[in-house]
């Protein structure tokens, strides 16, 4: 039996207030809330994704500004 594919920042959220959004566009505050919910373990791939330290695009530092 094959393992399900891992989620990444381009995976589309399937439910809730962020339905149809890429996981990488969902704020970190949502993931903090999600992990505290007792039902989060019903979604093991989302739990795995939620434990990735940075979900959103990193802020560019001034030395990397390309303007």
PDB file of N, CA and C in Angstrom:
ATOM      1  N   UNK A   1       0.841  -1.175   0.000  1.00  0.00           N
ATOM      2  CA  UNK A   1       0.000   0.000   0.000  1.00  0.00           C
ATOM      3  C   UNK A   1       0.888   1.242   0.000  1.00  0.00           C
ATOM      4  N   UNK A   2       0.643   2.143  -0.912  1.00  0.00           N
ATOM      5  CA  UNK A   2       1.451   3.356  -1.040  1.00  0.00           C
ATOM      6  C   UNK A   2       1.053   4.384   0.020  1.00  0.00           C
ATOM      7  N   UNK A   3       2.048   5.122   0.477  1.00  0.00           N
ATOM      8  CA  UNK A   3       1.776   6.203   1.423  1.00  0.00           C
ATOM      9  C   UNK A   3       1.145   7.371   0.679  1.00  0.00           C
ATOM     10  N   UNK A   4       0.251   8.123   1.343  1.00  0.00           N
ATOM     11  CA  UNK A   4      -0.317   9.298   0.674  1.00  0.00           C
ATOM     12  C   UNK A   4       0.770  10.342   0.458  1.00  0.00           C
ATOM     13  N   UNK A   5       0.637  11.163  -0.563  1.00  0.00           N
ATOM     14  CA  UNK A   5       1.655  12.184  -0.803  1.00  0.00           C
ATOM     15  C   UNK A   5       1.678  13.199   0.333  1.00  0.00           C
ATOM     16  N   UNK A   6       2.843  13.724   0.626  1.00  0.00           N
ATOM     17  CA  UNK A   6       2.987  14.751   1.656  1.00  0.00           C
ATOM     18  C   UNK A   6       2.365  16.052   1.165  1.00  0.00           C
ATOM     19  N   UNK A   7       1.896  16.855   2.106  1.00  0.00           N
ATOM     20  CA  UNK A   7       1.360  18.167   1.760  1.00  0.00           C
ATOM     21  C   UNK A   7       2.511  19.157   1.670  1.00  0.00           C
ATOM     22  N   UNK A   8       2.331  20.173   0.843  1.00  0.00           N
ATOM     23  CA  UNK A   8       3.315  21.245   0.748  1.00  0.00           C
ATOM     24  C   UNK A   8       2.568  22.572   0.648  1.00  0.00           C
ATOM     25  N   UNK A   9       3.293  23.646   0.527  1.00  0.00           N
ATOM     26  CA  UNK A   9       2.677  24.981   0.531  1.00  0.00           C
ATOM     27  C   UNK A   9       1.705  25.189  -0.625  1.00  0.00           C
ATOM     28  N   UNK A  10       1.768  24.381  -1.668  1.00  0.00           N
ATOM     29  CA  UNK A  10       0.858  24.520  -2.811  1.00  0.00           C
ATOM     30  C   UNK A  10      -0.372  23.624  -2.714  1.00  0.00           C
ATOM     31  N   UNK A  11      -0.425  22.752  -1.709  1.00  0.00           N
ATOM     32  CA  UNK A  11      -1.585  21.889  -1.512  1.00  0.00           C
ATOM     33  C   UNK A  11      -2.778  22.757  -1.147  1.00  0.00           C
ATOM     34  N   UNK A  12      -3.928  22.467  -1.735  1.00  0.00           N
ATOM     35  CA  UNK A  12      -5.131  23.265  -1.497  1.00  0.00           C
ATOM     36  C   UNK A  12      -5.867  22.748  -0.260  1.00  0.00           C
ATOM     37  N   UNK A  13      -6.234  23.690   0.619  1.00  0.00           N
ATOM     38  CA  UNK A  13      -7.006  23.352   1.814  1.00  0.00           C
ATOM     39  C   UNK A  13      -8.391  22.885   1.387  1.00  0.00           C
ATOM     40  N   UNK A  14      -8.870  21.803   1.984  1.00  0.00           N
ATOM     41  CA  UNK A  14     -10.114  21.172   1.544  1.00  0.00           C
ATOM     42  C   UNK A  14     -11.342  21.568   2.364  1.00  0.00           C
ATOM     43  N   UNK A  15     -11.166  22.283   3.488  1.00  0.00           N
ATOM     44  CA  UNK A  15     -12.307  22.602   4.338  1.00  0.00           C
ATOM     45  C   UNK A  15     -12.046  23.878   5.129  1.00  0.00           C
ATOM     46  N   UNK A  16     -13.092  24.354   5.781  1.00  0.00           N
ATOM     47  CA  UNK A  16     -12.963  25.472   6.712  1.00  0.00           C
ATOM     48  C   UNK A  16     -12.874  26.832   6.053  1.00  0.00           C
ATOM     49  N   UNK A  17     -12.520  27.804   6.858  1.00  0.00           N
ATOM     50  CA  UNK A  17     -12.511  29.193   6.386  1.00  0.00           C
ATOM     51  C   UNK A  17     -11.459  29.440   5.309  1.00  0.00           C
ATOM     52  N   UNK A  18     -10.465  28.573   5.204  1.00  0.00           N
ATOM     53  CA  UNK A  18      -9.424  28.715   4.178  1.00  0.00           C
ATOM     54  C   UNK A  18      -9.579  27.703   3.049  1.00  0.00           C
ATOM     55  N   UNK A  19     -10.776  27.148   2.907  1.00  0.00           N
ATOM     56  CA  UNK A  19     -11.043  26.215   1.802  1.00  0.00           C
ATOM     57  C   UNK A  19     -10.658  26.875   0.485  1.00  0.00           C
ATOM     58  N   UNK A  20     -10.024  26.117  -0.370  1.00  0.00           N
ATOM     59  CA  UNK A  20      -9.580  26.542  -1.710  1.00  0.00           C
ATOM     60  C   UNK A  20      -8.325  27.411  -1.692  1.00  0.00           C
ATOM     61  N   UNK A  21      -7.734  27.635  -0.525  1.00  0.00           N
ATOM     62  CA  UNK A  21      -6.491  28.408  -0.444  1.00  0.00           C
ATOM     63  C   UNK A  21      -5.300  27.450  -0.388  1.00  0.00           C
ATOM     64  N   UNK A  22      -4.172  27.827  -0.995  1.00  0.00           N
ATOM     65  CA  UNK A  22      -2.962  27.023  -0.822  1.00  0.00           C
ATOM     66  C   UNK A  22      -2.542  27.042   0.653  1.00  0.00           C
ATOM     67  N   UNK A  23      -2.047  25.927   1.164  1.00  0.00           N
ATOM     68  CA  UNK A  23      -1.657  25.861   2.564  1.00  0.00           C
ATOM     69  C   UNK A  23      -0.624  26.924   2.918  1.00  0.00           C
ATOM     70  N   UNK A  24       0.258  27.251   1.991  1.00  0.00           N
ATOM     71  CA  UNK A  24       1.289  28.256   2.242  1.00  0.00           C
ATOM     72  C   UNK A  24       0.756  29.654   2.416  1.00  0.00           C
ATOM     73  N   UNK A  25      -0.502  29.890   2.024  1.00  0.00           N
ATOM     74  CA  UNK A  25      -1.111  31.214   2.177  1.00  0.00           C
ATOM     75  C   UNK A  25      -1.908  31.337   3.472  1.00  0.00           C
ATOM     76  N   UNK A  26      -2.004  30.268   4.229  1.00  0.00           N
ATOM     77  CA  UNK A  26      -2.772  30.281   5.474  1.00  0.00           C
ATOM     78  C   UNK A  26      -1.870  30.802   6.592  1.00  0.00           C
ATOM     79  N   UNK A  27      -2.355  31.782   7.367  1.00  0.00           N
ATOM     80  CA  UNK A  27      -1.517  32.377   8.419  1.00  0.00           C
ATOM     81  C   UNK A  27      -1.086  31.372   9.490  1.00  0.00           C
ATOM     82  N   UNK A  28       0.084  31.603  10.048  1.00  0.00           N
ATOM     83  CA  UNK A  28       0.595  30.733  11.098  1.00  0.00           C
ATOM     84  C   UNK A  28      -0.350  30.668  12.296  1.00  0.00           C
ATOM     85  N   UNK A  29      -1.068  31.742  12.572  1.00  0.00           N
ATOM     86  CA  UNK A  29      -2.012  31.752  13.699  1.00  0.00           C
ATOM     87  C   UNK A  29      -3.083  30.673  13.518  1.00  0.00           C
ATOM     88  N   UNK A  30      -3.479  30.418  12.277  1.00  0.00           N
ATOM     89  CA  UNK A  30      -4.453  29.360  12.034  1.00  0.00           C
ATOM     90  C   UNK A  30      -3.867  27.997  12.419  1.00  0.00           C
ATOM     91  N   UNK A  31      -2.616  27.764  12.032  1.00  0.00           N
ATOM     92  CA  UNK A  31      -1.991  26.467  12.332  1.00  0.00           C
ATOM     93  C   UNK A  31      -1.831  26.278  13.828  1.00  0.00           C
ATOM     94  N   UNK A  32      -1.522  27.352  14.558  1.00  0.00           N
ATOM     95  CA  UNK A  32      -1.423  27.267  16.016  1.00  0.00           C
ATOM     96  C   UNK A  32      -2.776  26.873  16.609  1.00  0.00           C
ATOM     97  N   UNK A  33      -3.842  27.495  16.112  1.00  0.00           N
ATOM     98  CA  UNK A  33      -5.193  27.167  16.570  1.00  0.00           C
ATOM     99  C   UNK A  33      -5.542  25.721  16.207  1.00  0.00           C
ATOM    100  N   UNK A  34      -5.287  25.362  14.949  1.00  0.00           N
ATOM    101  CA  UNK A  34      -5.616  24.032  14.449  1.00  0.00           C
ATOM    102  C   UNK A  34      -5.001  22.937  15.322  1.00  0.00           C
ATOM    103  N   UNK A  35      -3.735  23.089  15.685  1.00  0.00           N
ATOM    104  CA  UNK A  35      -3.036  22.063  16.462  1.00  0.00           C
ATOM    105  C   UNK A  35      -3.585  21.912  17.882  1.00  0.00           C
ATOM    106  N   UNK A  36      -4.314  22.904  18.365  1.00  0.00           N
ATOM    107  CA  UNK A  36      -4.908  22.829  19.702  1.00  0.00           C
ATOM    108  C   UNK A  36      -6.283  22.168  19.696  1.00  0.00           C
ATOM    109  N   UNK A  37      -6.855  21.983  18.507  1.00  0.00           N
ATOM    110  CA  UNK A  37      -8.190  21.394  18.410  1.00  0.00           C
ATOM    111  C   UNK A  37      -8.114  19.873  18.579  1.00  0.00           C
ATOM    112  N   UNK A  38      -9.039  19.278  19.353  1.00  0.00           N
ATOM    113  CA  UNK A  38      -8.978  17.835  19.583  1.00  0.00           C
ATOM    114  C   UNK A  38      -9.172  16.998  18.323  1.00  0.00           C
ATOM    115  N   UNK A  39      -9.816  17.539  17.324  1.00  0.00           N
ATOM    116  CA  UNK A  39     -10.086  16.796  16.091  1.00  0.00           C
ATOM    117  C   UNK A  39      -8.969  16.912  15.060  1.00  0.00           C
ATOM    118  N   UNK A  40      -7.912  17.670  15.358  1.00  0.00           N
ATOM    119  CA  UNK A  40      -6.855  17.861  14.358  1.00  0.00           C
ATOM    120  C   UNK A  40      -6.212  16.537  13.956  1.00  0.00           C
ATOM    121  N   UNK A  41      -6.175  15.560  14.867  1.00  0.00           N
ATOM    122  CA  UNK A  41      -5.543  14.273  14.545  1.00  0.00           C
ATOM    123  C   UNK A  41      -6.341  13.457  13.533  1.00  0.00           C
ATOM    124  N   UNK A  42      -7.546  13.914  13.207  1.00  0.00           N
ATOM    125  CA  UNK A  42      -8.301  13.286  12.117  1.00  0.00           C
ATOM    126  C   UNK A  42      -7.690  13.627  10.756  1.00  0.00           C
ATOM    127  N   UNK A  43      -6.742  14.576  10.751  1.00  0.00           N
ATOM    128  CA  UNK A  43      -6.107  15.058   9.522  1.00  0.00           C
ATOM    129  C   UNK A  43      -4.586  14.987   9.675  1.00  0.00           C
ATOM    130  N   UNK A  44      -4.034  13.765   9.696  1.00  0.00           N
ATOM    131  CA  UNK A  44      -2.606  13.607  10.002  1.00  0.00           C
ATOM    132  C   UNK A  44      -1.660  14.330   9.042  1.00  0.00           C
ATOM    133  N   UNK A  45      -2.021  14.427   7.774  1.00  0.00           N
ATOM    134  CA  UNK A  45      -1.133  15.137   6.850  1.00  0.00           C
ATOM    135  C   UNK A  45      -1.139  16.639   7.116  1.00  0.00           C
ATOM    136  N   UNK A  46      -2.277  17.167   7.541  1.00  0.00           N
ATOM    137  CA  UNK A  46      -2.312  18.586   7.915  1.00  0.00           C
ATOM    138  C   UNK A  46      -1.535  18.819   9.203  1.00  0.00           C
ATOM    139  N   UNK A  47      -1.632  17.902  10.143  1.00  0.00           N
ATOM    140  CA  UNK A  47      -0.849  18.020  11.384  1.00  0.00           C
ATOM    141  C   UNK A  47       0.638  18.024  11.046  1.00  0.00           C
ATOM    142  N   UNK A  48       1.047  17.121  10.177  1.00  0.00           N
ATOM    143  CA  UNK A  48       2.452  17.081   9.760  1.00  0.00           C
ATOM    144  C   UNK A  48       2.854  18.415   9.133  1.00  0.00           C
ATOM    145  N   UNK A  49       2.030  18.943   8.236  1.00  0.00           N
ATOM    146  CA  UNK A  49       2.333  20.224   7.593  1.00  0.00           C
ATOM    147  C   UNK A  49       2.385  21.350   8.629  1.00  0.00           C
ATOM    148  N   UNK A  50       1.446  21.333   9.578  1.00  0.00           N
ATOM    149  CA  UNK A  50       1.367  22.400  10.579  1.00  0.00           C
ATOM    150  C   UNK A  50       2.612  22.458  11.457  1.00  0.00           C
ATOM    151  N   UNK A  51       3.356  21.375  11.545  1.00  0.00           N
ATOM    152  CA  UNK A  51       4.572  21.370  12.354  1.00  0.00           C
ATOM    153  C   UNK A  51       5.790  21.902  11.604  1.00  0.00           C
ATOM    154  N   UNK A  52       5.645  22.259  10.341  1.00  0.00           N
ATOM    155  CA  UNK A  52       6.743  22.890   9.603  1.00  0.00           C
ATOM    156  C   UNK A  52       6.917  24.294  10.187  1.00  0.00           C
ATOM    157  N   UNK A  53       8.130  24.705  10.543  1.00  0.00           N
ATOM    158  CA  UNK A  53       8.334  25.962  11.264  1.00  0.00           C
ATOM    159  C   UNK A  53       7.790  27.221  10.581  1.00  0.00           C
ATOM    160  N   UNK A  54       7.968  27.354   9.289  1.00  0.00           N
ATOM    161  CA  UNK A  54       7.501  28.562   8.598  1.00  0.00           C
ATOM    162  C   UNK A  54       6.595  28.125   7.461  1.00  0.00           C
ATOM    163  N   UNK A  55       5.360  28.621   7.471  1.00  0.00           N
ATOM    164  CA  UNK A  55       4.394  28.251   6.444  1.00  0.00           C
ATOM    165  C   UNK A  55       4.245  29.325   5.381  1.00  0.00           C
ATOM    166  N   UNK A  56       4.385  30.557   5.778  1.00  0.00           N
ATOM    167  CA  UNK A  56       4.167  31.662   4.864  1.00  0.00           C
ATOM    168  C   UNK A  56       5.480  32.080   4.224  1.00  0.00           C
ATOM    169  N   UNK A  57       5.402  32.906   3.186  1.00  0.00           N
ATOM    170  CA  UNK A  57       6.604  33.366   2.499  1.00  0.00           C
ATOM    171  C   UNK A  57       7.454  34.187   3.448  1.00  0.00           C
ATOM    172  N   UNK A  58       8.758  33.953   3.456  1.00  0.00           N
ATOM    173  CA  UNK A  58       9.621  34.736   4.339  1.00  0.00           C
ATOM    174  C   UNK A  58       9.654  36.196   3.903  1.00  0.00           C
ATOM    175  N   UNK A  59       9.804  37.084   4.867  1.00  0.00           N
ATOM    176  CA  UNK A  59       9.916  38.514   4.562  1.00  0.00           C
ATOM    177  C   UNK A  59      11.336  38.764   4.083  1.00  0.00           C
ATOM    178  N   UNK A  60      11.435  39.486   2.988  1.00  0.00           N
ATOM    179  CA  UNK A  60      12.761  39.781   2.446  1.00  0.00           C
ATOM    180  C   UNK A  60      13.453  40.813   3.323  1.00  0.00           C
ATOM    181  N   UNK A  61      14.710  40.587   3.579  1.00  0.00           N
ATOM    182  CA  UNK A  61      15.487  41.560   4.332  1.00  0.00           C
ATOM    183  C   UNK A  61      15.932  42.663   3.375  1.00  0.00           C
ATOM    184  N   UNK A  62      16.227  43.874   3.908  1.00  0.00           N
ATOM    185  CA  UNK A  62      16.593  44.987   3.034  1.00  0.00           C
ATOM    186  C   UNK A  62      17.772  44.692   2.106  1.00  0.00           C
ATOM    187  N   UNK A  63      18.732  43.884   2.558  1.00  0.00           N
ATOM    188  CA  UNK A  63      19.883  43.613   1.687  1.00  0.00           C
ATOM    189  C   UNK A  63      19.519  42.740   0.493  1.00  0.00           C
ATOM    190  N   UNK A  64      18.319  42.123   0.521  1.00  0.00           N
ATOM    191  CA  UNK A  64      17.873  41.322  -0.601  1.00  0.00           C
ATOM    192  C   UNK A  64      16.823  42.030  -1.453  1.00  0.00           C
ATOM    193  N   UNK A  65      16.589  43.311  -1.146  1.00  0.00           N
ATOM    194  CA  UNK A  65      15.603  44.077  -1.904  1.00  0.00           C
ATOM    195  C   UNK A  65      16.118  44.278  -3.323  1.00  0.00           C
ATOM    196  N   UNK A  66      15.279  43.932  -4.306  1.00  0.00           N
ATOM    197  CA  UNK A  66      15.719  44.004  -5.718  1.00  0.00           C
ATOM    198  C   UNK A  66      15.106  45.198  -6.458  1.00  0.00           C
ATOM    199  N   UNK A  67      14.541  46.132  -5.708  1.00  0.00           N
ATOM    200  CA  UNK A  67      13.941  47.298  -6.385  1.00  0.00           C
ATOM    201  C   UNK A  67      14.973  48.183  -6.983  1.00  0.00           C
TER     202      UNK A  67
END
